[in-house]
Amino acid sequence: MNPIIALLKEHNISDEQIQTVFTQLTENPMMAMATIQQLGIPPEKLQQLMALVMQNPALIKEAVNELGLDFEKVEAAKAQLKP
């Protein structure tokens, strides 16, 4: 299982919420970050999750594939994350 999805499930985040997070990650990464912060994940785990998302965009691709979402939108989102 993708480590981002695993971390979310570890904190009892529903499949529906996970789907929402990754849909937002593909459409608007900054909005997704705000959504992730509102999930009630403890600060130390939230920091770990944010680092995974920001430092390893390939994990987003894997998760999107695992969830059956549109990968082309992920590519556009990755471009937005690059400085």
Protein backbone atom coordinates (compact mmCIF):
# COMPACT_ATOMS: atom_id res chain seq x y z
CA MET A 1 0.00 0.00 0.00
CA ASN A 2 1.14 3.51 -0.79
CA PRO A 3 2.76 5.12 2.31
CA ILE A 4 0.61 8.25 2.02
CA ILE A 5 -2.58 6.21 1.91
CA ALA A 6 -1.28 3.97 4.72
CA LEU A 7 -0.57 6.99 6.94
CA LEU A 8 -4.05 8.38 6.31
CA LYS A 9 -5.68 5.01 7.05
CA GLU A 10 -3.57 4.68 10.22
CA HIS A 11 -5.38 7.78 11.49
CA ASN A 12 -8.83 6.44 10.61
CA ILE A 13 -9.29 8.67 7.59
CA SER A 14 -12.16 7.23 5.53
CA ASP A 15 -11.72 5.98 1.98
CA GLU A 16 -14.03 8.78 0.85
CA GLN A 17 -11.83 11.42 2.54
CA ILE A 18 -8.69 9.84 1.04
CA GLN A 19 -10.28 9.96 -2.40
CA THR A 20 -11.13 13.65 -1.82
CA VAL A 21 -7.57 14.45 -0.74
CA PHE A 22 -6.05 12.85 -3.82
CA THR A 23 -8.60 14.40 -6.14
CA GLN A 24 -7.64 17.77 -4.66
CA LEU A 25 -3.94 16.92 -4.96
CA THR A 26 -4.48 16.37 -8.67
CA GLU A 27 -6.55 19.52 -9.17
CA ASN A 28 -5.22 22.04 -6.64
CA PRO A 29 -2.27 20.93 -4.48
CA MET A 30 -2.37 23.94 -2.19
CA MET A 31 -6.03 23.37 -1.40
CA ALA A 32 -5.26 19.72 -0.72
CA MET A 33 -2.65 20.74 1.85
CA ALA A 34 -5.29 22.75 3.70
CA THR A 35 -7.68 19.78 3.58
CA ILE A 36 -4.99 17.43 4.89
CA GLN A 37 -4.35 19.79 7.81
CA GLN A 38 -8.03 19.63 8.78
CA LEU A 39 -8.14 15.82 9.05
CA GLY A 40 -7.17 15.77 12.73
CA ILE A 41 -3.82 14.03 12.25
CA PRO A 42 -1.37 14.66 15.14
CA PRO A 43 1.18 17.40 14.29
CA GLU A 44 4.21 15.09 14.15
CA LYS A 45 2.46 12.70 11.75
CA LEU A 46 1.04 15.60 9.75
CA GLN A 47 4.56 16.94 9.25
CA GLN A 48 5.69 13.48 8.09
CA LEU A 49 2.73 13.30 5.68
CA MET A 50 3.41 16.76 4.26
CA ALA A 51 7.07 15.85 3.73
CA LEU A 52 6.07 12.70 1.85
CA VAL A 53 3.72 14.66 -0.39
CA MET A 54 6.13 17.53 -1.11
CA GLN A 55 9.39 15.59 -1.44
CA ASN A 56 8.23 12.58 -3.39
CA PRO A 57 5.67 13.37 -6.09
CA ALA A 58 6.07 9.80 -7.39
CA LEU A 59 4.17 8.65 -4.30
CA ILE A 60 1.26 10.82 -5.40
CA LYS A 61 1.31 9.09 -8.79
CA GLU A 62 1.34 5.66 -7.13
CA ALA A 63 -1.55 6.60 -4.85
CA VAL A 64 -3.55 8.07 -7.71
CA ASN A 65 -3.05 4.87 -9.70
CA GLU A 66 -4.01 2.80 -6.65
CA LEU A 67 -7.18 4.87 -6.24
CA GLY A 68 -7.99 4.87 -9.96
CA LEU A 69 -7.82 8.66 -10.45
CA ASP A 70 -6.71 10.66 -13.53
CA PHE A 71 -2.90 10.73 -13.79
CA GLU A 72 -2.77 13.62 -16.29
CA LYS A 73 -4.16 15.91 -13.60
CA VAL A 74 -1.38 14.70 -11.29
CA GLU A 75 1.25 15.81 -13.79
CA ALA A 76 -0.29 19.29 -13.89
CA ALA A 77 -0.34 19.37 -10.06
CA LYS A 78 3.34 18.36 -9.89
CA ALA A 79 4.20 21.27 -12.15
CA GLN A 80 2.46 23.63 -9.72
CA LEU A 81 4.52 22.29 -6.79
CA LYS A 82 7.88 22.94 -8.44
CA PRO A 83 9.59 26.19 -7.36
